[in-house]
Amino acid sequence: QGKQAVLMSVISGDAVTLVQEMEDKEVIEECMKVLRELFKEQDVPEPLGFFVTRWSADLWSQMSYSFVKTGGSGEAYDILAEDVQGKLFFAGEV
């Protein structure tokens, strides 16, 4: 009771194309529908706020994100955090 949480979802595969054509409110409505289907026995309240990213429309990111391969270690993120010849720096999850 009284606790707040943040819920994040990554949409991938064929759903990306569908979501690209939806308004933010429609995306949230669809996500809430899926969430309520997953947790049928529980009351899933409406979100207090939301933010929908549009990475595919961003010239610089194009829907990219970092990940550690299966069998990899957290050291991969340390390597990603290093600059490239003092000229290229990666920001975001690292």
C-alpha atoms as a PDB file:
ATOM      1  CA  GLN A   1       0.000   0.000   0.000  1.00  0.00           C
ATOM      2  CA  GLY A   2       1.219   3.475  -0.824  1.00  0.00           C
ATOM      3  CA  LYS A   3       4.127   2.199  -2.889  1.00  0.00           C
ATOM      4  CA  GLN A   4       4.818   3.406  -6.397  1.00  0.00           C
ATOM      5  CA  ALA A   5       6.484   1.456  -9.160  1.00  0.00           C
ATOM      6  CA  VAL A   6       7.682   1.934 -12.702  1.00  0.00           C
ATOM      7  CA  LEU A   7       6.740  -0.571 -15.356  1.00  0.00           C
ATOM      8  CA  MET A   8       8.678  -0.771 -18.599  1.00  0.00           C
ATOM      9  CA  SER A   9       7.843  -2.765 -21.687  1.00  0.00           C
ATOM     10  CA  VAL A  10       9.918  -3.411 -24.783  1.00  0.00           C
ATOM     11  CA  ILE A  11       7.829  -4.064 -27.854  1.00  0.00           C
ATOM     12  CA  SER A  12       9.516  -6.141 -30.520  1.00  0.00           C
ATOM     13  CA  GLY A  13       8.895  -8.229 -33.601  1.00  0.00           C
ATOM     14  CA  ASP A  14       5.844  -7.639 -35.779  1.00  0.00           C
ATOM     15  CA  ALA A  15       4.213  -5.567 -33.028  1.00  0.00           C
ATOM     16  CA  VAL A  16       6.712  -2.744 -33.652  1.00  0.00           C
ATOM     17  CA  THR A  17       5.110  -1.931 -37.000  1.00  0.00           C
ATOM     18  CA  LEU A  18       1.646  -1.857 -35.436  1.00  0.00           C
ATOM     19  CA  VAL A  19       2.711   0.364 -32.546  1.00  0.00           C
ATOM     20  CA  GLN A  20       4.455   2.846 -34.855  1.00  0.00           C
ATOM     21  CA  GLU A  21       1.076   3.775 -36.307  1.00  0.00           C
ATOM     22  CA  MET A  22      -0.702   4.123 -32.945  1.00  0.00           C
ATOM     23  CA  GLU A  23      -1.148   7.220 -30.811  1.00  0.00           C
ATOM     24  CA  ASP A  24       0.562   7.085 -27.397  1.00  0.00           C
ATOM     25  CA  LYS A  25      -2.774   6.646 -25.586  1.00  0.00           C
ATOM     26  CA  GLU A  26      -3.628   3.687 -27.838  1.00  0.00           C
ATOM     27  CA  VAL A  27      -0.269   2.064 -27.043  1.00  0.00           C
ATOM     28  CA  ILE A  28      -0.928   2.413 -23.318  1.00  0.00           C
ATOM     29  CA  GLU A  29      -4.465   1.053 -23.670  1.00  0.00           C
ATOM     30  CA  GLU A  30      -3.149  -2.012 -25.510  1.00  0.00           C
ATOM     31  CA  CYS A  31      -0.383  -2.553 -22.944  1.00  0.00           C
ATOM     32  CA  MET A  32      -2.887  -2.295 -20.083  1.00  0.00           C
ATOM     33  CA  LYS A  33      -5.177  -4.767 -21.840  1.00  0.00           C
ATOM     34  CA  VAL A  34      -2.335  -7.290 -22.088  1.00  0.00           C
ATOM     35  CA  LEU A  35      -1.252  -6.656 -18.490  1.00  0.00           C
ATOM     36  CA  ARG A  36      -4.778  -7.201 -17.197  1.00  0.00           C
ATOM     37  CA  GLU A  37      -5.049 -10.407 -19.212  1.00  0.00           C
ATOM     38  CA  LEU A  38      -1.817 -11.659 -17.621  1.00  0.00           C
ATOM     39  CA  PHE A  39      -2.978 -10.766 -14.096  1.00  0.00           C
ATOM     40  CA  LYS A  40      -6.682 -11.662 -14.271  1.00  0.00           C
ATOM     41  CA  GLU A  41      -6.929 -12.354 -10.551  1.00  0.00           C
ATOM     42  CA  GLN A  42      -5.594  -8.927  -9.558  1.00  0.00           C
ATOM     43  CA  ASP A  43      -6.778  -5.353  -9.810  1.00  0.00           C
ATOM     44  CA  VAL A  44      -4.486  -3.576 -12.272  1.00  0.00           C
ATOM     45  CA  PRO A  45      -5.022   0.175 -11.886  1.00  0.00           C
ATOM     46  CA  GLU A  46      -4.645   2.749 -14.622  1.00  0.00           C
ATOM     47  CA  PRO A  47      -1.142   4.234 -14.783  1.00  0.00           C
ATOM     48  CA  LEU A  48      -0.604   7.623 -13.147  1.00  0.00           C
ATOM     49  CA  GLY A  49       1.564   8.639 -16.085  1.00  0.00           C
ATOM     50  CA  PHE A  50       3.272   7.193 -19.112  1.00  0.00           C
ATOM     51  CA  PHE A  51       5.938   7.868 -21.701  1.00  0.00           C
ATOM     52  CA  VAL A  52       6.087   6.182 -25.099  1.00  0.00           C
ATOM     53  CA  THR A  53       9.407   6.334 -26.911  1.00  0.00           C
ATOM     54  CA  ARG A  54       9.609   6.480 -30.687  1.00  0.00           C
ATOM     55  CA  TRP A  55      13.115   5.161 -31.242  1.00  0.00           C
ATOM     56  CA  SER A  56      12.459   4.106 -34.810  1.00  0.00           C
ATOM     57  CA  ALA A  57      11.792   7.755 -35.681  1.00  0.00           C
ATOM     58  CA  ASP A  58      15.067   8.887 -34.088  1.00  0.00           C
ATOM     59  CA  LEU A  59      17.746   9.386 -36.730  1.00  0.00           C
ATOM     60  CA  TRP A  60      20.516   8.497 -34.265  1.00  0.00           C
ATOM     61  CA  SER A  61      19.188   5.427 -32.468  1.00  0.00           C
ATOM     62  CA  GLN A  62      16.869   3.608 -34.874  1.00  0.00           C
ATOM     63  CA  MET A  63      15.432   1.311 -32.181  1.00  0.00           C
ATOM     64  CA  SER A  64      18.753   0.155 -30.813  1.00  0.00           C
ATOM     65  CA  TYR A  65      19.727  -0.878 -27.318  1.00  0.00           C
ATOM     66  CA  SER A  66      22.623  -2.643 -25.684  1.00  0.00           C
ATOM     67  CA  PHE A  67      22.473  -6.174 -24.329  1.00  0.00           C
ATOM     68  CA  VAL A  68      24.780  -8.782 -22.874  1.00  0.00           C
ATOM     69  CA  LYS A  69      24.859 -11.995 -24.873  1.00  0.00           C
ATOM     70  CA  THR A  70      24.013 -15.333 -23.300  1.00  0.00           C
ATOM     71  CA  GLY A  71      26.973 -16.432 -21.222  1.00  0.00           C
ATOM     72  CA  GLY A  72      28.321 -12.876 -21.121  1.00  0.00           C
ATOM     73  CA  SER A  73      29.061 -10.870 -18.005  1.00  0.00           C
ATOM     74  CA  GLY A  74      28.361  -7.424 -16.645  1.00  0.00           C
ATOM     75  CA  GLU A  75      31.851  -6.424 -17.751  1.00  0.00           C
ATOM     76  CA  ALA A  76      30.377  -5.940 -21.225  1.00  0.00           C
ATOM     77  CA  TYR A  77      28.639  -2.802 -19.940  1.00  0.00           C
ATOM     78  CA  ASP A  78      31.953  -1.476 -18.639  1.00  0.00           C
ATOM     79  CA  ILE A  79      33.416  -1.929 -22.109  1.00  0.00           C
ATOM     80  CA  LEU A  80      30.412  -0.171 -23.684  1.00  0.00           C
ATOM     81  CA  ALA A  81      30.937   2.751 -21.310  1.00  0.00           C
ATOM     82  CA  GLU A  82      34.468   3.352 -22.618  1.00  0.00           C
ATOM     83  CA  ASP A  83      34.974   6.106 -25.154  1.00  0.00           C
ATOM     84  CA  VAL A  84      36.259   5.372 -28.642  1.00  0.00           C
ATOM     85  CA  GLN A  85      39.495   7.268 -29.242  1.00  0.00           C
ATOM     86  CA  GLY A  86      38.278  10.099 -27.022  1.00  0.00           C
ATOM     87  CA  LYS A  87      35.793  11.125 -29.720  1.00  0.00           C
ATOM     88  CA  LEU A  88      32.794   8.824 -29.520  1.00  0.00           C
ATOM     89  CA  PHE A  89      30.830   8.326 -26.298  1.00  0.00           C
ATOM     90  CA  PHE A  90      27.789   6.139 -25.714  1.00  0.00           C
ATOM     91  CA  ALA A  91      25.015   7.316 -23.398  1.00  0.00           C
ATOM     92  CA  GLY A  92      21.899   5.694 -22.080  1.00  0.00           C
ATOM     93  CA  GLU A  93      21.755   2.449 -20.154  1.00  0.00           C
ATOM     94  CA  VAL A  94      25.400   2.307 -19.182  1.00  0.00           C
END
